[in-house]
Amino acid sequence: MPAQPSVPALLSTLRTRQATSPALIWYGPSGERIELSGKVMDNWVAKTSNLLVDELDAEPGIRIRLDLPAHWKTLVWALAAWQTGCTVQLGEPAHPGGAAADVAVSDVTVTASQELLDTAGGTVVAVAQGALELRWPGDLPAGAVDYAAEVRSYADTYLSGEEAEEGYTALHSFLGSGLNLSYGQLAEAADGGTRQTLLIPASVDLPSVLTAALRTWAAGGTIVLAASEVEVTERLLAAERITARLQA
């Protein structure tokens, strides 16, 4: 039986076998189209992983809450968190103080996220999502990290550190019915995909977006992610040669 596609193995595939072919295509709300090859995708993940380790002391067991919509930077953050052995949290615990995150990565609720984490000693990372934004467009609370302004200064290769054991929690979602995956189960979730060009509308729930992306990349395929404001036309489907579509 072949080895299951762990996140480090998947990233290795992106930067070698899929180095120049598209891994992720993003259609944004302002009409922008961003295409990331496997190599470029891996570079973004490496830079974010280095920021996590050097700035935020990431290591196995650290909990990172992604307060982000379906977006290409959200996928980068999830891969970086898993590359450094962290737990990705989606949504908030039903009970205050339960499974509090160490880091909150946010696109809009920066001040609220900072207030929530202050008592736990956590940190907020503000993620500007505009295609050309080089910094957060506004004021940030003291101690918050400006992702767009900081990430480009980090190396685009990542030297593997301590990896999470298979039993460590990789994904814990408080959204909907909830989803809890260990690192071993995350590798299983990435297995069995087919090489395809998969369209993912932003209306799909984030846990499904993440697991579908893993399966598609592990098989050498391409993700086309469209913001909710984007009209998915026949012209778009033909231009991107869409072969499958993830339903909400």
C-alpha atoms as a PDB file:
ATOM      1  CA  MET A   1       0.000   0.000   0.000  1.00  0.00           C
ATOM      2  CA  PRO A   2       1.483   3.413  -0.948  1.00  0.00           C
ATOM      3  CA  ALA A   3       2.250   5.904   1.798  1.00  0.00           C
ATOM      4  CA  GLN A   4      -0.565   8.307   2.604  1.00  0.00           C
ATOM      5  CA  PRO A   5      -0.005  11.883   1.372  1.00  0.00           C
ATOM      6  CA  SER A   6       1.094  13.845   4.441  1.00  0.00           C
ATOM      7  CA  VAL A   7       1.158  17.632   4.091  1.00  0.00           C
ATOM      8  CA  PRO A   8       4.988  17.792   3.767  1.00  0.00           C
ATOM      9  CA  ALA A   9       4.812  15.124   1.045  1.00  0.00           C
ATOM     10  CA  LEU A  10       2.025  17.037  -0.703  1.00  0.00           C
ATOM     11  CA  LEU A  11       4.062  20.255  -0.653  1.00  0.00           C
ATOM     12  CA  SER A  12       7.037  18.373  -2.046  1.00  0.00           C
ATOM     13  CA  THR A  13       4.827  17.235  -4.920  1.00  0.00           C
ATOM     14  CA  LEU A  14       3.655  20.806  -5.559  1.00  0.00           C
ATOM     15  CA  ARG A  15       7.185  22.207  -5.813  1.00  0.00           C
ATOM     16  CA  THR A  16       8.543  19.385  -7.972  1.00  0.00           C
ATOM     17  CA  ARG A  17       6.011  17.523 -10.127  1.00  0.00           C
ATOM     18  CA  GLN A  18       3.640  20.488 -10.346  1.00  0.00           C
ATOM     19  CA  ALA A  19       6.209  23.283 -10.135  1.00  0.00           C
ATOM     20  CA  THR A  20       5.131  25.190 -13.250  1.00  0.00           C
ATOM     21  CA  SER A  21       1.534  24.045 -13.674  1.00  0.00           C
ATOM     22  CA  PRO A  22      -1.350  25.754 -11.844  1.00  0.00           C
ATOM     23  CA  ALA A  23      -2.160  24.438  -8.383  1.00  0.00           C
ATOM     24  CA  LEU A  24      -4.598  27.173  -7.372  1.00  0.00           C
ATOM     25  CA  ILE A  25      -6.564  29.748  -9.367  1.00  0.00           C
ATOM     26  CA  TRP A  26      -8.450  32.432  -7.452  1.00  0.00           C
ATOM     27  CA  TYR A  27     -11.293  34.532  -8.819  1.00  0.00           C
ATOM     28  CA  GLY A  28     -11.697  37.462  -6.455  1.00  0.00           C
ATOM     29  CA  PRO A  29     -14.634  39.805  -5.760  1.00  0.00           C
ATOM     30  CA  SER A  30     -13.050  42.711  -7.669  1.00  0.00           C
ATOM     31  CA  GLY A  31     -12.675  40.685 -10.843  1.00  0.00           C
ATOM     32  CA  GLU A  32      -9.066  39.681 -10.227  1.00  0.00           C
ATOM     33  CA  ARG A  33      -7.753  36.322 -11.366  1.00  0.00           C
ATOM     34  CA  ILE A  34      -4.695  35.027  -9.524  1.00  0.00           C
ATOM     35  CA  GLU A  35      -2.910  31.874 -10.640  1.00  0.00           C
ATOM     36  CA  LEU A  36      -0.399  30.153  -8.382  1.00  0.00           C
ATOM     37  CA  SER A  37       1.787  27.369  -9.729  1.00  0.00           C
ATOM     38  CA  GLY A  38       2.762  24.545  -7.426  1.00  0.00           C
ATOM     39  CA  LYS A  39       6.146  26.182  -6.818  1.00  0.00           C
ATOM     40  CA  VAL A  40       4.641  29.590  -6.049  1.00  0.00           C
ATOM     41  CA  MET A  41       2.049  27.992  -3.761  1.00  0.00           C
ATOM     42  CA  ASP A  42       4.807  26.178  -1.902  1.00  0.00           C
ATOM     43  CA  ASN A  43       6.772  29.444  -1.591  1.00  0.00           C
ATOM     44  CA  TRP A  44       3.813  31.188   0.031  1.00  0.00           C
ATOM     45  CA  VAL A  45       3.320  28.271   2.417  1.00  0.00           C
ATOM     46  CA  ALA A  46       7.039  28.258   3.270  1.00  0.00           C
ATOM     47  CA  LYS A  47       7.068  32.009   3.985  1.00  0.00           C
ATOM     48  CA  THR A  48       3.989  31.670   6.171  1.00  0.00           C
ATOM     49  CA  SER A  49       5.466  28.643   7.965  1.00  0.00           C
ATOM     50  CA  ASN A  50       8.645  30.601   8.700  1.00  0.00           C
ATOM     51  CA  LEU A  51       6.585  33.518  10.025  1.00  0.00           C
ATOM     52  CA  LEU A  52       4.652  31.093  12.231  1.00  0.00           C
ATOM     53  CA  VAL A  53       7.814  29.590  13.680  1.00  0.00           C
ATOM     54  CA  ASP A  54       9.949  32.728  13.996  1.00  0.00           C
ATOM     55  CA  GLU A  55       7.292  35.263  15.001  1.00  0.00           C
ATOM     56  CA  LEU A  56       4.602  33.164  16.666  1.00  0.00           C
ATOM     57  CA  ASP A  57       6.609  30.272  18.154  1.00  0.00           C
ATOM     58  CA  ALA A  58       4.592  27.666  16.269  1.00  0.00           C
ATOM     59  CA  GLU A  59       5.158  24.037  17.204  1.00  0.00           C
ATOM     60  CA  PRO A  60       3.049  20.878  17.453  1.00  0.00           C
ATOM     61  CA  GLY A  61       0.072  21.520  19.711  1.00  0.00           C
ATOM     62  CA  ILE A  62      -0.274  25.265  19.029  1.00  0.00           C
ATOM     63  CA  ARG A  63      -3.883  26.137  18.103  1.00  0.00           C
ATOM     64  CA  ILE A  64      -4.470  28.507  15.184  1.00  0.00           C
ATOM     65  CA  ARG A  65      -7.994  29.774  14.565  1.00  0.00           C
ATOM     66  CA  LEU A  66      -8.692  30.775  10.967  1.00  0.00           C
ATOM     67  CA  ASP A  67     -11.294  33.564  11.042  1.00  0.00           C
ATOM     68  CA  LEU A  68     -11.168  33.732   7.257  1.00  0.00           C
ATOM     69  CA  PRO A  69     -13.536  33.000   4.365  1.00  0.00           C
ATOM     70  CA  ALA A  70     -12.697  30.607   1.552  1.00  0.00           C
ATOM     71  CA  HIS A  71      -9.763  32.438  -0.082  1.00  0.00           C
ATOM     72  CA  TRP A  72      -6.413  31.486  -1.547  1.00  0.00           C
ATOM     73  CA  LYS A  73      -4.633  32.906   1.511  1.00  0.00           C
ATOM     74  CA  THR A  74      -6.809  30.745   3.768  1.00  0.00           C
ATOM     75  CA  LEU A  75      -5.520  27.635   1.984  1.00  0.00           C
ATOM     76  CA  VAL A  76      -1.951  28.918   2.378  1.00  0.00           C
ATOM     77  CA  TRP A  77      -2.480  29.397   6.100  1.00  0.00           C
ATOM     78  CA  ALA A  78      -3.982  25.944   6.586  1.00  0.00           C
ATOM     79  CA  LEU A  79      -1.055  24.271   4.805  1.00  0.00           C
ATOM     80  CA  ALA A  80       1.473  26.337   6.770  1.00  0.00           C
ATOM     81  CA  ALA A  81      -0.211  25.443  10.060  1.00  0.00           C
ATOM     82  CA  TRP A  82      -0.116  21.749   9.177  1.00  0.00           C
ATOM     83  CA  GLN A  83       3.468  21.944   7.922  1.00  0.00           C
ATOM     84  CA  THR A  84       4.501  23.263  11.344  1.00  0.00           C
ATOM     85  CA  GLY A  85       2.399  20.727  13.260  1.00  0.00           C
ATOM     86  CA  CYS A  86      -0.281  23.102  14.539  1.00  0.00           C
ATOM     87  CA  THR A  87      -3.991  22.545  15.047  1.00  0.00           C
ATOM     88  CA  VAL A  88      -6.271  24.482  12.695  1.00  0.00           C
ATOM     89  CA  GLN A  89      -9.456  25.668  14.407  1.00  0.00           C
ATOM     90  CA  LEU A  90     -12.501  26.842  12.457  1.00  0.00           C
ATOM     91  CA  GLY A  91     -15.193  28.775  14.313  1.00  0.00           C
ATOM     92  CA  GLU A  92     -15.383  29.426  18.034  1.00  0.00           C
ATOM     93  CA  PRO A  93     -15.975  27.015  20.933  1.00  0.00           C
ATOM     94  CA  ALA A  94     -19.541  26.948  22.220  1.00  0.00           C
ATOM     95  CA  HIS A  95     -18.294  27.598  25.760  1.00  0.00           C
ATOM     96  CA  PRO A  96     -16.074  30.650  26.462  1.00  0.00           C
ATOM     97  CA  GLY A  97     -12.538  29.606  27.297  1.00  0.00           C
ATOM     98  CA  GLY A  98     -12.951  26.135  25.825  1.00  0.00           C
ATOM     99  CA  ALA A  99     -10.071  25.116  23.561  1.00  0.00           C
ATOM    100  CA  ALA A 100      -8.924  28.743  23.310  1.00  0.00           C
ATOM    101  CA  ALA A 101      -6.709  29.446  20.312  1.00  0.00           C
ATOM    102  CA  ASP A 102      -3.122  30.615  20.688  1.00  0.00           C
ATOM    103  CA  VAL A 103      -3.247  32.541  17.404  1.00  0.00           C
ATOM    104  CA  ALA A 104      -6.244  34.024  15.578  1.00  0.00           C
ATOM    105  CA  VAL A 105      -5.824  34.742  11.869  1.00  0.00           C
ATOM    106  CA  SER A 106      -8.475  37.250  10.811  1.00  0.00           C
ATOM    107  CA  ASP A 107      -9.554  39.368   7.853  1.00  0.00           C
ATOM    108  CA  VAL A 108     -12.214  41.577   9.457  1.00  0.00           C
ATOM    109  CA  THR A 109     -12.713  40.969  13.175  1.00  0.00           C
ATOM    110  CA  VAL A 110      -9.196  41.917  14.231  1.00  0.00           C
ATOM    111  CA  THR A 111     -10.132  44.038  17.252  1.00  0.00           C
ATOM    112  CA  ALA A 112     -12.730  41.525  18.459  1.00  0.00           C
ATOM    113  CA  SER A 113     -10.285  38.661  17.983  1.00  0.00           C
ATOM    114  CA  GLN A 114      -7.611  40.536  19.934  1.00  0.00           C
ATOM    115  CA  GLU A 115      -9.992  41.157  22.831  1.00  0.00           C
ATOM    116  CA  LEU A 116     -10.949  37.475  22.817  1.00  0.00           C
ATOM    117  CA  LEU A 117      -7.331  36.328  22.945  1.00  0.00           C
ATOM    118  CA  ASP A 118      -5.957  38.912  25.371  1.00  0.00           C
ATOM    119  CA  THR A 119      -6.929  36.892  28.434  1.00  0.00           C
ATOM    120  CA  ALA A 120      -5.260  33.786  27.004  1.00  0.00           C
ATOM    121  CA  GLY A 121      -2.106  35.627  25.987  1.00  0.00           C
ATOM    122  CA  GLY A 122      -2.725  34.882  22.319  1.00  0.00           C
ATOM    123  CA  THR A 123      -1.818  36.818  19.186  1.00  0.00           C
ATOM    124  CA  VAL A 124      -3.873  38.101  16.263  1.00  0.00           C
ATOM    125  CA  VAL A 125      -2.607  38.085  12.677  1.00  0.00           C
ATOM    126  CA  ALA A 126      -4.440  40.501  10.359  1.00  0.00           C
ATOM    127  CA  VAL A 127      -4.730  39.256   6.773  1.00  0.00           C
ATOM    128  CA  ALA A 128      -5.472  41.843   4.067  1.00  0.00           C
ATOM    129  CA  GLN A 129      -7.138  39.982   1.224  1.00  0.00           C
ATOM    130  CA  GLY A 130      -6.913  42.459  -1.645  1.00  0.00           C
ATOM    131  CA  ALA A 131      -4.738  41.298  -4.518  1.00  0.00           C
ATOM    132  CA  LEU A 132      -2.349  44.269  -4.328  1.00  0.00           C
ATOM    133  CA  GLU A 133      -2.521  45.168  -0.632  1.00  0.00           C
ATOM    134  CA  LEU A 134       0.944  45.214   0.911  1.00  0.00           C
ATOM    135  CA  ARG A 135      -0.267  45.996   4.432  1.00  0.00           C
ATOM    136  CA  TRP A 136      -3.415  46.036   6.553  1.00  0.00           C
ATOM    137  CA  PRO A 137      -5.679  48.899   5.354  1.00  0.00           C
ATOM    138  CA  GLY A 138      -6.240  50.575   8.712  1.00  0.00           C
ATOM    139  CA  ASP A 139      -5.154  50.640  12.334  1.00  0.00           C
ATOM    140  CA  LEU A 140      -4.238  47.502  14.219  1.00  0.00           C
ATOM    141  CA  PRO A 141      -4.433  46.861  17.965  1.00  0.00           C
ATOM    142  CA  ALA A 142      -1.138  46.717  19.830  1.00  0.00           C
ATOM    143  CA  GLY A 143       0.583  43.370  19.422  1.00  0.00           C
ATOM    144  CA  ALA A 144      -1.259  42.357  16.252  1.00  0.00           C
ATOM    145  CA  VAL A 145       0.829  41.096  13.323  1.00  0.00           C
ATOM    146  CA  ASP A 146       0.293  42.543   9.840  1.00  0.00           C
ATOM    147  CA  TYR A 147       0.575  39.476   7.603  1.00  0.00           C
ATOM    148  CA  ALA A 148       0.844  41.270   4.255  1.00  0.00           C
ATOM    149  CA  ALA A 149       3.549  43.609   5.557  1.00  0.00           C
ATOM    150  CA  GLU A 150       5.590  40.893   7.267  1.00  0.00           C
ATOM    151  CA  VAL A 151       5.338  37.692   5.228  1.00  0.00           C
ATOM    152  CA  ARG A 152       7.404  38.778   2.218  1.00  0.00           C
ATOM    153  CA  SER A 153      10.518  39.221   4.354  1.00  0.00           C
ATOM    154  CA  TYR A 154      10.619  35.505   5.214  1.00  0.00           C
ATOM    155  CA  ALA A 155      12.479  32.840   3.268  1.00  0.00           C
ATOM    156  CA  ASP A 156      10.571  31.011   0.536  1.00  0.00           C
ATOM    157  CA  THR A 157      11.947  27.660   1.620  1.00  0.00           C
ATOM    158  CA  TYR A 158      11.104  25.939   4.895  1.00  0.00           C
ATOM    159  CA  LEU A 159      13.514  23.767   6.826  1.00  0.00           C
ATOM    160  CA  SER A 160      11.379  21.136   8.499  1.00  0.00           C
ATOM    161  CA  GLY A 161      11.229  21.332  12.249  1.00  0.00           C
ATOM    162  CA  GLU A 162       9.412  19.118  14.717  1.00  0.00           C
ATOM    163  CA  GLU A 163       6.487  17.351  13.020  1.00  0.00           C
ATOM    164  CA  ALA A 164       3.198  16.491  14.685  1.00  0.00           C
ATOM    165  CA  GLU A 165       2.549  12.858  15.528  1.00  0.00           C
ATOM    166  CA  GLU A 166      -0.308  11.084  13.767  1.00  0.00           C
ATOM    167  CA  GLY A 167      -2.529  11.304  16.841  1.00  0.00           C
ATOM    168  CA  TYR A 168      -2.204  15.087  17.196  1.00  0.00           C
ATOM    169  CA  THR A 169      -5.262  17.121  16.197  1.00  0.00           C
ATOM    170  CA  ALA A 170      -4.823  18.687  12.745  1.00  0.00           C
ATOM    171  CA  LEU A 171      -8.299  20.155  12.202  1.00  0.00           C
ATOM    172  CA  HIS A 172     -10.972  21.011  14.736  1.00  0.00           C
ATOM    173  CA  SER A 173     -14.080  22.695  13.366  1.00  0.00           C
ATOM    174  CA  PHE A 174     -16.793  24.186  15.540  1.00  0.00           C
ATOM    175  CA  LEU A 175     -18.843  24.955  12.425  1.00  0.00           C
ATOM    176  CA  GLY A 176     -22.024  23.022  11.619  1.00  0.00           C
ATOM    177  CA  SER A 177     -21.841  19.421  12.751  1.00  0.00           C
ATOM    178  CA  GLY A 178     -18.133  19.873  13.482  1.00  0.00           C
ATOM    179  CA  LEU A 179     -15.172  17.967  12.144  1.00  0.00           C
ATOM    180  CA  ASN A 180     -12.198  16.736  14.115  1.00  0.00           C
ATOM    181  CA  LEU A 181      -9.260  15.172  12.256  1.00  0.00           C
ATOM    182  CA  SER A 182      -5.968  13.910  13.624  1.00  0.00           C
ATOM    183  CA  TYR A 183      -2.846  14.189  11.475  1.00  0.00           C
ATOM    184  CA  GLY A 184      -3.249  10.555  10.529  1.00  0.00           C
ATOM    185  CA  GLN A 185      -6.867  11.152   9.502  1.00  0.00           C
ATOM    186  CA  LEU A 186      -5.839  14.277   7.593  1.00  0.00           C
ATOM    187  CA  ALA A 187      -3.504  12.150   5.490  1.00  0.00           C
ATOM    188  CA  GLU A 188      -6.342   9.684   4.898  1.00  0.00           C
ATOM    189  CA  ALA A 189      -8.629  12.575   3.854  1.00  0.00           C
ATOM    190  CA  ALA A 190      -6.061  13.588   1.210  1.00  0.00           C
ATOM    191  CA  ASP A 191      -5.918  10.065  -0.222  1.00  0.00           C
ATOM    192  CA  GLY A 192      -7.994   8.674  -3.066  1.00  0.00           C
ATOM    193  CA  GLY A 193      -8.406  11.841  -5.130  1.00  0.00           C
ATOM    194  CA  THR A 194      -8.336  12.109  -8.901  1.00  0.00           C
ATOM    195  CA  ARG A 195      -6.351  14.435 -11.115  1.00  0.00           C
ATOM    196  CA  GLN A 196      -8.898  17.057 -12.045  1.00  0.00           C
ATOM    197  CA  THR A 197      -9.570  20.773 -12.294  1.00  0.00           C
ATOM    198  CA  LEU A 198     -11.998  21.293  -9.434  1.00  0.00           C
ATOM    199  CA  LEU A 199     -14.184  24.374  -9.141  1.00  0.00           C
ATOM    200  CA  ILE A 200     -14.957  25.337  -5.540  1.00  0.00           C
ATOM    201  CA  PRO A 201     -17.514  28.121  -5.003  1.00  0.00           C
ATOM    202  CA  ALA A 202     -16.951  30.178  -1.837  1.00  0.00           C
ATOM    203  CA  SER A 203     -20.384  29.048  -0.602  1.00  0.00           C
ATOM    204  CA  VAL A 204     -18.930  25.607   0.206  1.00  0.00           C
ATOM    205  CA  ASP A 205     -18.180  25.206   3.913  1.00  0.00           C
ATOM    206  CA  LEU A 206     -14.518  25.692   4.779  1.00  0.00           C
ATOM    207  CA  PRO A 207     -13.806  22.171   6.132  1.00  0.00           C
ATOM    208  CA  SER A 208     -14.990  20.746   2.793  1.00  0.00           C
ATOM    209  CA  VAL A 209     -12.881  23.278   0.874  1.00  0.00           C
ATOM    210  CA  LEU A 210      -9.750  22.271   2.776  1.00  0.00           C
ATOM    211  CA  THR A 211     -10.192  18.512   2.438  1.00  0.00           C
ATOM    212  CA  ALA A 212     -11.185  18.737  -1.246  1.00  0.00           C
ATOM    213  CA  ALA A 213      -8.114  20.851  -1.963  1.00  0.00           C
ATOM    214  CA  LEU A 214      -5.852  18.311  -0.246  1.00  0.00           C
ATOM    215  CA  ARG A 215      -7.304  15.417  -2.256  1.00  0.00           C
ATOM    216  CA  THR A 216      -7.012  17.312  -5.523  1.00  0.00           C
ATOM    217  CA  TRP A 217      -3.422  18.467  -4.967  1.00  0.00           C
ATOM    218  CA  ALA A 218      -2.300  15.041  -3.789  1.00  0.00           C
ATOM    219  CA  ALA A 219      -3.491  13.692  -7.151  1.00  0.00           C
ATOM    220  CA  GLY A 220      -1.736  16.446  -9.120  1.00  0.00           C
ATOM    221  CA  GLY A 221      -4.871  18.457  -9.883  1.00  0.00           C
ATOM    222  CA  THR A 222      -5.866  22.119  -9.857  1.00  0.00           C
ATOM    223  CA  ILE A 223      -8.224  24.063  -7.591  1.00  0.00           C
ATOM    224  CA  VAL A 224     -10.285  26.938  -8.981  1.00  0.00           C
ATOM    225  CA  LEU A 225     -11.703  28.914  -6.063  1.00  0.00           C
ATOM    226  CA  ALA A 226     -14.332  31.581  -6.767  1.00  0.00           C
ATOM    227  CA  ALA A 227     -15.442  34.300  -4.358  1.00  0.00           C
ATOM    228  CA  SER A 228     -19.153  34.560  -3.619  1.00  0.00           C
ATOM    229  CA  GLU A 229     -19.429  37.725  -5.754  1.00  0.00           C
ATOM    230  CA  VAL A 230     -18.131  35.905  -8.830  1.00  0.00           C
ATOM    231  CA  GLU A 231     -20.638  34.668 -11.392  1.00  0.00           C
ATOM    232  CA  VAL A 232     -19.594  31.239 -12.568  1.00  0.00           C
ATOM    233  CA  THR A 233     -20.363  31.395 -16.273  1.00  0.00           C
ATOM    234  CA  GLU A 234     -20.019  28.844 -19.041  1.00  0.00           C
ATOM    235  CA  ARG A 235     -17.182  30.972 -20.368  1.00  0.00           C
ATOM    236  CA  LEU A 236     -15.299  30.649 -17.058  1.00  0.00           C
ATOM    237  CA  LEU A 237     -15.884  26.902 -16.944  1.00  0.00           C
ATOM    238  CA  ALA A 238     -14.565  26.506 -20.484  1.00  0.00           C
ATOM    239  CA  ALA A 239     -11.603  28.855 -19.996  1.00  0.00           C
ATOM    240  CA  GLU A 240     -10.381  26.972 -16.925  1.00  0.00           C
ATOM    241  CA  ARG A 241     -11.273  23.560 -18.376  1.00  0.00           C
ATOM    242  CA  ILE A 242     -13.260  22.638 -15.277  1.00  0.00           C
ATOM    243  CA  THR A 243     -13.751  18.880 -14.973  1.00  0.00           C
ATOM    244  CA  ALA A 244     -15.525  18.729 -11.587  1.00  0.00           C
ATOM    245  CA  ARG A 245     -17.411  21.008  -9.243  1.00  0.00           C
ATOM    246  CA  LEU A 246     -17.701  20.835  -5.457  1.00  0.00           C
ATOM    247  CA  GLN A 247     -21.286  21.365  -4.367  1.00  0.00           C
ATOM    248  CA  ALA A 248     -22.242  23.437  -1.339  1.00  0.00           C
END
